[in-house]
C-alpha atoms as a PDB file:
ATOM      1  CA  MET A   1      12.732   8.185 -17.950  1.00  0.00           C
ATOM      2  CA  VAL A   2      10.816   4.931 -17.679  1.00  0.00           C
ATOM      3  CA  SER A   3      10.376   3.371 -14.265  1.00  0.00           C
ATOM      4  CA  ILE A   4       9.175  -0.096 -13.390  1.00  0.00           C
ATOM      5  CA  GLY A   5       7.426  -0.912 -10.151  1.00  0.00           C
ATOM      6  CA  THR A   6       4.223  -2.382  -8.777  1.00  0.00           C
ATOM      7  CA  ALA A   7       0.877  -1.036  -7.649  1.00  0.00           C
ATOM      8  CA  SER A   8       1.270  -2.458  -4.163  1.00  0.00           C
ATOM      9  CA  ASP A   9       3.914  -3.917  -1.901  1.00  0.00           C
ATOM     10  CA  ARG A  10       4.459  -5.983   1.229  1.00  0.00           C
ATOM     11  CA  TYR A  11       2.831  -9.165  -0.137  1.00  0.00           C
ATOM     12  CA  ALA A  12       4.010 -12.272   1.678  1.00  0.00           C
ATOM     13  CA  GLY A  13       3.439 -14.120  -1.598  1.00  0.00           C
ATOM     14  CA  TRP A  14       6.614 -12.460  -2.887  1.00  0.00           C
ATOM     15  CA  LEU A  15       8.791 -14.148  -0.257  1.00  0.00           C
ATOM     16  CA  GLY A  16      11.654 -15.852  -2.034  1.00  0.00           C
ATOM     17  CA  GLN A  17      11.231 -13.634  -5.114  1.00  0.00           C
ATOM     18  CA  ILE A  18      11.499 -10.042  -3.896  1.00  0.00           C
ATOM     19  CA  TYR A  19      11.735 -10.571  -0.154  1.00  0.00           C
ATOM     20  CA  SER A  20      14.046 -12.767   1.940  1.00  0.00           C
ATOM     21  CA  PRO A  21      11.928 -15.260   3.935  1.00  0.00           C
ATOM     22  CA  GLU A  22      14.314 -15.404   6.901  1.00  0.00           C
ATOM     23  CA  ARG A  23      14.214 -11.622   7.367  1.00  0.00           C
ATOM     24  CA  TYR A  24      10.467 -11.650   8.077  1.00  0.00           C
ATOM     25  CA  ALA A  25      10.069 -14.905   9.999  1.00  0.00           C
ATOM     26  CA  GLY A  26       7.572 -14.324  12.790  1.00  0.00           C
ATOM     27  CA  ARG A  27       6.803 -10.773  11.602  1.00  0.00           C
ATOM     28  CA  ILE A  28       4.117 -11.388   8.982  1.00  0.00           C
ATOM     29  CA  GLN A  29       0.702  -9.951   9.829  1.00  0.00           C
ATOM     30  CA  ARG A  30      -2.524 -11.613   8.785  1.00  0.00           C
ATOM     31  CA  ARG A  31      -5.617  -9.581   7.982  1.00  0.00           C
ATOM     32  CA  THR A  32      -9.011 -10.680   6.748  1.00  0.00           C
ATOM     33  CA  LYS A  33     -10.495  -9.002   3.688  1.00  0.00           C
ATOM     34  CA  ASN A  34     -14.284  -9.096   3.382  1.00  0.00           C
ATOM     35  CA  LEU A  35     -15.509  -9.345  -0.190  1.00  0.00           C
ATOM     36  CA  THR A  36     -18.939  -9.966  -1.659  1.00  0.00           C
ATOM     37  CA  GLN A  37     -17.751 -13.429  -2.780  1.00  0.00           C
ATOM     38  CA  GLY A  38     -16.501 -14.249   0.718  1.00  0.00           C
ATOM     39  CA  ASN A  39     -13.532 -13.575   2.953  1.00  0.00           C
ATOM     40  CA  PHE A  40      -9.864 -14.227   2.395  1.00  0.00           C
ATOM     41  CA  VAL A  41      -6.830 -13.844   4.607  1.00  0.00           C
ATOM     42  CA  GLU A  42      -4.002 -11.667   3.348  1.00  0.00           C
ATOM     43  CA  GLU A  43      -0.488 -11.922   4.741  1.00  0.00           C
ATOM     44  CA  VAL A  44       1.413  -8.645   4.913  1.00  0.00           C
ATOM     45  CA  LEU A  45       5.087  -7.973   5.528  1.00  0.00           C
ATOM     46  CA  PRO A  46       6.264  -5.176   7.845  1.00  0.00           C
ATOM     47  CA  VAL A  47       6.941  -1.720   6.394  1.00  0.00           C
ATOM     48  CA  ASP A  48      10.700  -2.192   6.596  1.00  0.00           C
ATOM     49  CA  SER A  49      10.312  -4.627   3.665  1.00  0.00           C
ATOM     50  CA  LEU A  50      10.397  -1.513   1.474  1.00  0.00           C
ATOM     51  CA  GLU A  51      14.161  -1.584   1.809  1.00  0.00           C
ATOM     52  CA  GLU A  52      14.248  -4.890  -0.104  1.00  0.00           C
ATOM     53  CA  TYR A  53      11.498  -3.825  -2.506  1.00  0.00           C
ATOM     54  CA  PHE A  54      13.575  -0.851  -3.654  1.00  0.00           C
ATOM     55  CA  GLN A  55      16.539  -3.128  -4.350  1.00  0.00           C
ATOM     56  CA  HIS A  56      14.452  -4.479  -7.265  1.00  0.00           C
ATOM     57  CA  PHE A  57      12.300  -1.514  -8.332  1.00  0.00           C
ATOM     58  CA  ASN A  58      12.651   2.269  -8.217  1.00  0.00           C
ATOM     59  CA  VAL A  59       8.973   3.223  -7.978  1.00  0.00           C
ATOM     60  CA  LEU A  60       5.991   2.052  -5.931  1.00  0.00           C
ATOM     61  CA  GLU A  61       2.360   3.086  -6.291  1.00  0.00           C
ATOM     62  CA  LEU A  62       0.438   3.120  -3.013  1.00  0.00           C
ATOM     63  CA  ASP A  63      -3.250   2.509  -3.454  1.00  0.00           C
ATOM     64  CA  PHE A  64      -4.222   2.692   0.219  1.00  0.00           C
ATOM     65  CA  THR A  65      -4.281   6.491  -0.118  1.00  0.00           C
ATOM     66  CA  PHE A  66      -7.389   6.094  -2.332  1.00  0.00           C
ATOM     67  CA  TYR A  67      -9.512   4.756   0.520  1.00  0.00           C
ATOM     68  CA  ALA A  68      -8.926   7.341   3.237  1.00  0.00           C
ATOM     69  CA  PRO A  69      -7.622  10.923   3.231  1.00  0.00           C
ATOM     70  CA  LEU A  70      -4.247  11.804   4.712  1.00  0.00           C
ATOM     71  CA  LEU A  71      -5.845  14.431   6.963  1.00  0.00           C
ATOM     72  CA  ASP A  72      -9.176  14.304   8.765  1.00  0.00           C
ATOM     73  CA  GLU A  73     -11.867  16.999   8.584  1.00  0.00           C
ATOM     74  CA  MET A  74     -10.037  19.026  11.242  1.00  0.00           C
ATOM     75  CA  GLY A  75      -6.730  18.881   9.335  1.00  0.00           C
ATOM     76  CA  ARG A  76      -5.167  16.372  11.731  1.00  0.00           C
ATOM     77  CA  PRO A  77      -3.019  13.507  10.427  1.00  0.00           C
ATOM     78  CA  GLY A  78      -4.991  10.311   9.914  1.00  0.00           C
ATOM     79  CA  ALA A  79      -3.910   6.666   9.835  1.00  0.00           C
ATOM     80  CA  ASN A  80      -2.715   6.904   6.215  1.00  0.00           C
ATOM     81  CA  TYR A  81      -0.572   9.925   7.049  1.00  0.00           C
ATOM     82  CA  ARG A  82       1.071   8.029   9.882  1.00  0.00           C
ATOM     83  CA  LEU A  83       1.621   5.007   7.626  1.00  0.00           C
ATOM     84  CA  LEU A  84       3.294   7.261   5.053  1.00  0.00           C
ATOM     85  CA  GLU A  85       5.607   8.505   7.799  1.00  0.00           C
ATOM     86  CA  LEU A  86       6.624   4.885   8.419  1.00  0.00           C
ATOM     87  CA  TYR A  87       7.164   4.392   4.695  1.00  0.00           C
ATOM     88  CA  SER A  88       9.399   7.458   4.528  1.00  0.00           C
ATOM     89  CA  ALA A  89      11.602   6.024   7.274  1.00  0.00           C
ATOM     90  CA  HIS A  90      12.399   3.061   4.984  1.00  0.00           C
ATOM     91  CA  THR A  91      12.951   4.830   1.665  1.00  0.00           C
ATOM     92  CA  ARG A  92      15.996   6.549   0.234  1.00  0.00           C
ATOM     93  CA  ALA A  93      16.028   9.889  -1.586  1.00  0.00           C
ATOM     94  CA  GLU A  94      16.107   8.137  -4.973  1.00  0.00           C
ATOM     95  CA  ASP A  95      13.122   5.862  -4.211  1.00  0.00           C
ATOM     96  CA  ARG A  96       9.828   7.071  -5.669  1.00  0.00           C
ATOM     97  CA  LEU A  97       6.336   6.682  -4.235  1.00  0.00           C
ATOM     98  CA  ILE A  98       3.213   7.428  -6.255  1.00  0.00           C
ATOM     99  CA  LEU A  99       0.111   8.050  -4.168  1.00  0.00           C
ATOM    100  CA  LYS A 100      -3.255   7.127  -5.640  1.00  0.00           C
ATOM    101  CA  ALA A 101      -5.589  10.149  -5.575  1.00  0.00           C
ATOM    102  CA  PRO A 102      -8.140   9.902  -2.736  1.00  0.00           C
ATOM    103  CA  GLN A 103     -11.596   8.607  -3.558  1.00  0.00           C
ATOM    104  CA  ALA A 104     -13.106  11.625  -1.793  1.00  0.00           C
ATOM    105  CA  VAL A 105     -11.484  13.844  -4.422  1.00  0.00           C
ATOM    106  CA  MET A 106     -11.617  11.733  -7.572  1.00  0.00           C
ATOM    107  CA  ALA A 107     -14.540   9.307  -7.217  1.00  0.00           C
ATOM    108  CA  HIS A 108     -17.482  10.926  -5.457  1.00  0.00           C
ATOM    109  CA  ARG A 109     -19.801   8.562  -7.250  1.00  0.00           C
ATOM    110  CA  VAL A 110     -19.175   4.878  -7.709  1.00  0.00           C
ATOM    111  CA  ARG A 111     -20.645   2.865 -10.566  1.00  0.00           C
ATOM    112  CA  ARG A 112     -22.622  -0.141  -9.365  1.00  0.00           C
ATOM    113  CA  ALA A 113     -24.357  -2.332 -11.932  1.00  0.00           C
ATOM    114  CA  GLU A 114     -25.749   0.114 -14.509  1.00  0.00           C
ATOM    115  CA  LYS A 115     -25.958   3.277 -12.380  1.00  0.00           C
ATOM    116  CA  PHE A 116     -23.796   5.669 -10.420  1.00  0.00           C
ATOM    117  CA  GLU A 117     -24.341   5.999  -6.667  1.00  0.00           C
END
């Protein structure tokens, strides 16, 4: 089986294409991303936008799981775990989520310039 989806979701830039603008009026969050080239503001739809996303696609890859583990060092649920619980509340049995492997497991060393750190 071949599935088509995206590597992220909840982008306000997809309003009018994937998402209905009127459904999210007044519910879009703004967050600042700090990059080496400068900052930019990202607008993010609420998690319930997954319901519309899965009307168009049947798979979604979540990359936020790369940046922080689901459980902390004591085995307690972390922020990503709780976010996944919210995601599960807005998906159906046939919807598929692919979680990006955590950096702590797959990328202990990061390449910067010509060396690994």
